[in-house]
Amino acid sequence: MQKWQVTFVDDHGVQSVELFDCDEPPTMERAAQWVRAKLLPISAELDLNDLDGRTEAPTLRSLREQNSIQILSITPI
């Protein structure tokens, strides 16, 4: 399984890196789901039905707008 490095800026403006396993290159939405599950485990369980289907990447959008977390890059290790 391939390891992926997700670089992001958290709500305090600090650049952080998390490592995740995935067989194929993850999308920004998938990386947002990983980061949300790692940093905000309670929020990760919430249903995004109000955004699902109306926006292309609901988790990515939610992280950016509600939690001030922005994913900068996804790179293979």
N, C-alpha and C. Protein backbone atom coordinates (compact mmCIF):
# COMPACT_ATOMS: atom_id res chain seq x y z
N MET A 1 0.84 -1.17 0.00
CA MET A 1 0.00 0.00 0.00
C MET A 1 0.90 1.25 0.00
N GLN A 2 0.55 2.21 -0.79
CA GLN A 2 1.29 3.47 -0.94
C GLN A 2 1.02 4.39 0.25
N LYS A 3 2.06 5.06 0.72
CA LYS A 3 1.91 6.08 1.76
C LYS A 3 1.82 7.44 1.09
N TRP A 4 0.95 8.29 1.63
CA TRP A 4 0.74 9.63 1.10
C TRP A 4 0.94 10.65 2.20
N GLN A 5 1.59 11.73 1.87
CA GLN A 5 1.82 12.83 2.81
C GLN A 5 0.87 13.96 2.45
N VAL A 6 0.01 14.32 3.41
CA VAL A 6 -0.94 15.40 3.22
C VAL A 6 -0.45 16.59 4.04
N THR A 7 -0.14 17.68 3.36
CA THR A 7 0.33 18.90 4.02
C THR A 7 -0.84 19.87 4.07
N PHE A 8 -1.06 20.45 5.25
CA PHE A 8 -2.19 21.38 5.42
C PHE A 8 -1.84 22.45 6.44
N VAL A 9 -2.63 23.51 6.43
CA VAL A 9 -2.51 24.59 7.41
C VAL A 9 -3.70 24.46 8.34
N ASP A 10 -3.43 24.38 9.65
CA ASP A 10 -4.52 24.22 10.60
C ASP A 10 -5.14 25.57 10.98
N ASP A 11 -6.08 25.52 11.89
CA ASP A 11 -6.82 26.73 12.27
C ASP A 11 -5.98 27.75 13.02
N HIS A 12 -4.77 27.40 13.41
CA HIS A 12 -3.86 28.34 14.07
C HIS A 12 -2.82 28.88 13.10
N GLY A 13 -2.91 28.50 11.83
CA GLY A 13 -1.96 28.96 10.83
C GLY A 13 -0.66 28.17 10.81
N VAL A 14 -0.65 27.03 11.49
CA VAL A 14 0.54 26.20 11.56
C VAL A 14 0.49 25.13 10.46
N GLN A 15 1.55 25.03 9.69
CA GLN A 15 1.62 24.02 8.64
C GLN A 15 1.94 22.67 9.28
N SER A 16 1.16 21.66 8.94
CA SER A 16 1.32 20.32 9.51
C SER A 16 1.31 19.28 8.41
N VAL A 17 1.79 18.09 8.75
CA VAL A 17 1.84 16.98 7.80
C VAL A 17 1.27 15.74 8.49
N GLU A 18 0.43 15.01 7.79
CA GLU A 18 -0.08 13.72 8.26
C GLU A 18 0.19 12.69 7.17
N LEU A 19 0.44 11.47 7.57
CA LEU A 19 0.69 10.37 6.63
C LEU A 19 -0.51 9.43 6.63
N PHE A 20 -0.90 9.00 5.42
CA PHE A 20 -2.03 8.10 5.26
C PHE A 20 -1.69 7.03 4.23
N ASP A 21 -2.32 5.87 4.33
CA ASP A 21 -2.13 4.78 3.38
C ASP A 21 -3.31 4.74 2.41
N CYS A 22 -2.99 4.55 1.13
CA CYS A 22 -4.02 4.43 0.11
C CYS A 22 -3.39 3.80 -1.13
N ASP A 23 -4.12 2.93 -1.80
CA ASP A 23 -3.59 2.25 -2.98
C ASP A 23 -3.41 3.16 -4.18
N GLU A 24 -4.33 4.09 -4.38
CA GLU A 24 -4.25 4.97 -5.53
C GLU A 24 -4.19 6.43 -5.08
N PRO A 25 -3.80 7.34 -5.95
CA PRO A 25 -3.68 8.75 -5.55
C PRO A 25 -5.01 9.29 -5.01
N PRO A 26 -5.00 9.83 -3.80
CA PRO A 26 -6.24 10.34 -3.22
C PRO A 26 -6.62 11.70 -3.83
N THR A 27 -7.89 11.96 -3.84
CA THR A 27 -8.39 13.27 -4.27
C THR A 27 -8.26 14.24 -3.10
N MET A 28 -8.43 15.52 -3.38
CA MET A 28 -8.42 16.51 -2.30
C MET A 28 -9.57 16.24 -1.32
N GLU A 29 -10.71 15.79 -1.82
CA GLU A 29 -11.85 15.46 -0.96
C GLU A 29 -11.51 14.31 -0.03
N ARG A 30 -10.88 13.28 -0.54
CA ARG A 30 -10.49 12.13 0.30
C ARG A 30 -9.47 12.56 1.34
N ALA A 31 -8.51 13.38 0.95
CA ALA A 31 -7.53 13.88 1.92
C ALA A 31 -8.22 14.72 2.99
N ALA A 32 -9.21 15.50 2.60
CA ALA A 32 -9.96 16.31 3.58
C ALA A 32 -10.68 15.41 4.57
N GLN A 33 -11.21 14.29 4.09
CA GLN A 33 -11.88 13.34 4.99
C GLN A 33 -10.90 12.75 5.99
N TRP A 34 -9.69 12.42 5.53
CA TRP A 34 -8.66 11.88 6.42
C TRP A 34 -8.28 12.90 7.49
N VAL A 35 -8.02 14.13 7.04
CA VAL A 35 -7.59 15.19 7.97
C VAL A 35 -8.70 15.47 8.97
N ARG A 36 -9.94 15.55 8.50
CA ARG A 36 -11.06 15.81 9.41
C ARG A 36 -11.19 14.69 10.43
N ALA A 37 -11.04 13.44 10.01
CA ALA A 37 -11.14 12.31 10.94
C ALA A 37 -10.02 12.36 11.98
N LYS A 38 -8.85 12.80 11.57
CA LYS A 38 -7.68 12.87 12.47
C LYS A 38 -7.80 14.04 13.46
N LEU A 39 -8.16 15.23 12.96
CA LEU A 39 -8.18 16.43 13.79
C LEU A 39 -9.52 16.68 14.48
N LEU A 40 -10.59 16.29 13.84
CA LEU A 40 -11.93 16.58 14.35
C LEU A 40 -12.78 15.31 14.33
N PRO A 41 -12.45 14.33 15.17
CA PRO A 41 -13.13 13.03 15.10
C PRO A 41 -14.65 13.11 15.30
N ILE A 42 -15.12 14.03 16.12
CA ILE A 42 -16.56 14.16 16.32
C ILE A 42 -17.21 14.71 15.06
N SER A 43 -16.61 15.71 14.45
CA SER A 43 -17.14 16.30 13.21
C SER A 43 -17.12 15.29 12.08
N ALA A 44 -16.18 14.38 12.09
CA ALA A 44 -16.08 13.38 11.02
C ALA A 44 -17.30 12.47 10.99
N GLU A 45 -17.99 12.36 12.11
CA GLU A 45 -19.17 11.51 12.17
C GLU A 45 -20.44 12.23 11.73
N LEU A 46 -20.38 13.55 11.57
CA LEU A 46 -21.56 14.32 11.17
C LEU A 46 -21.90 14.08 9.71
N ASP A 47 -23.17 14.18 9.42
CA ASP A 47 -23.67 13.99 8.07
C ASP A 47 -23.60 15.32 7.32
N LEU A 48 -23.04 15.30 6.12
CA LEU A 48 -22.95 16.50 5.30
C LEU A 48 -24.02 16.50 4.20
N ASN A 49 -25.17 15.91 4.47
CA ASN A 49 -26.22 15.80 3.45
C ASN A 49 -26.64 17.14 2.88
N ASP A 50 -26.61 18.18 3.68
CA ASP A 50 -27.02 19.48 3.15
C ASP A 50 -26.07 19.97 2.06
N LEU A 51 -24.82 19.56 2.08
CA LEU A 51 -23.87 19.95 1.04
C LEU A 51 -23.68 18.85 0.00
N ASP A 52 -23.93 17.61 0.38
CA ASP A 52 -23.70 16.47 -0.52
C ASP A 52 -24.57 16.59 -1.76
N GLY A 53 -23.96 16.54 -2.91
CA GLY A 53 -24.68 16.65 -4.16
C GLY A 53 -24.85 18.08 -4.66
N ARG A 54 -24.70 19.05 -3.78
CA ARG A 54 -24.82 20.45 -4.18
C ARG A 54 -23.46 21.10 -4.37
N THR A 55 -22.46 20.52 -3.79
CA THR A 55 -21.10 21.04 -3.94
C THR A 55 -20.18 19.87 -4.27
N GLU A 56 -19.15 20.15 -5.03
CA GLU A 56 -18.27 19.09 -5.52
C GLU A 56 -17.50 18.39 -4.42
N ALA A 57 -16.99 19.12 -3.45
CA ALA A 57 -16.17 18.54 -2.37
C ALA A 57 -16.66 19.08 -1.02
N PRO A 58 -17.74 18.50 -0.48
CA PRO A 58 -18.31 19.05 0.75
C PRO A 58 -17.39 19.03 1.96
N THR A 59 -16.57 17.99 2.11
CA THR A 59 -15.67 17.92 3.26
C THR A 59 -14.57 18.96 3.14
N LEU A 60 -14.00 19.09 1.97
CA LEU A 60 -12.96 20.08 1.71
C LEU A 60 -13.49 21.48 1.98
N ARG A 61 -14.68 21.75 1.51
CA ARG A 61 -15.30 23.07 1.71
C ARG A 61 -15.59 23.32 3.20
N SER A 62 -16.12 22.33 3.88
CA SER A 62 -16.44 22.46 5.30
C SER A 62 -15.18 22.72 6.12
N LEU A 63 -14.10 22.00 5.85
CA LEU A 63 -12.85 22.22 6.58
C LEU A 63 -12.36 23.65 6.40
N ARG A 64 -12.41 24.13 5.17
CA ARG A 64 -11.89 25.47 4.87
C ARG A 64 -12.78 26.56 5.48
N GLU A 65 -14.09 26.47 5.27
CA GLU A 65 -14.99 27.54 5.69
C GLU A 65 -15.34 27.51 7.17
N GLN A 66 -15.50 26.33 7.75
CA GLN A 66 -15.94 26.25 9.14
C GLN A 66 -14.81 26.04 10.14
N ASN A 67 -13.71 25.44 9.69
CA ASN A 67 -12.63 25.12 10.61
C ASN A 67 -11.31 25.79 10.28
N SER A 68 -11.26 26.58 9.22
CA SER A 68 -10.05 27.29 8.80
C SER A 68 -8.87 26.35 8.57
N ILE A 69 -9.15 25.17 8.04
CA ILE A 69 -8.10 24.20 7.71
C ILE A 69 -8.03 24.10 6.19
N GLN A 70 -6.83 24.29 5.64
CA GLN A 70 -6.67 24.25 4.19
C GLN A 70 -5.61 23.24 3.81
N ILE A 71 -5.95 22.34 2.91
CA ILE A 71 -5.00 21.35 2.43
C ILE A 71 -4.14 21.99 1.35
N LEU A 72 -2.83 21.87 1.51
CA LEU A 72 -1.89 22.48 0.58
C LEU A 72 -1.42 21.51 -0.51
N SER A 73 -1.11 20.27 -0.10
CA SER A 73 -0.61 19.31 -1.09
C SER A 73 -0.78 17.88 -0.62
N ILE A 74 -0.76 16.98 -1.62
CA ILE A 74 -0.79 15.54 -1.38
C ILE A 74 0.37 14.97 -2.20
N THR A 75 1.32 14.35 -1.53
CA THR A 75 2.48 13.80 -2.24
C THR A 75 2.75 12.37 -1.81
N PRO A 76 3.18 11.54 -2.76
CA PRO A 76 3.53 10.16 -2.40
C PRO A 76 4.85 10.11 -1.66
N ILE A 77 5.00 9.11 -0.83
CA ILE A 77 6.25 8.92 -0.09
C ILE A 77 6.92 7.66 -0.60
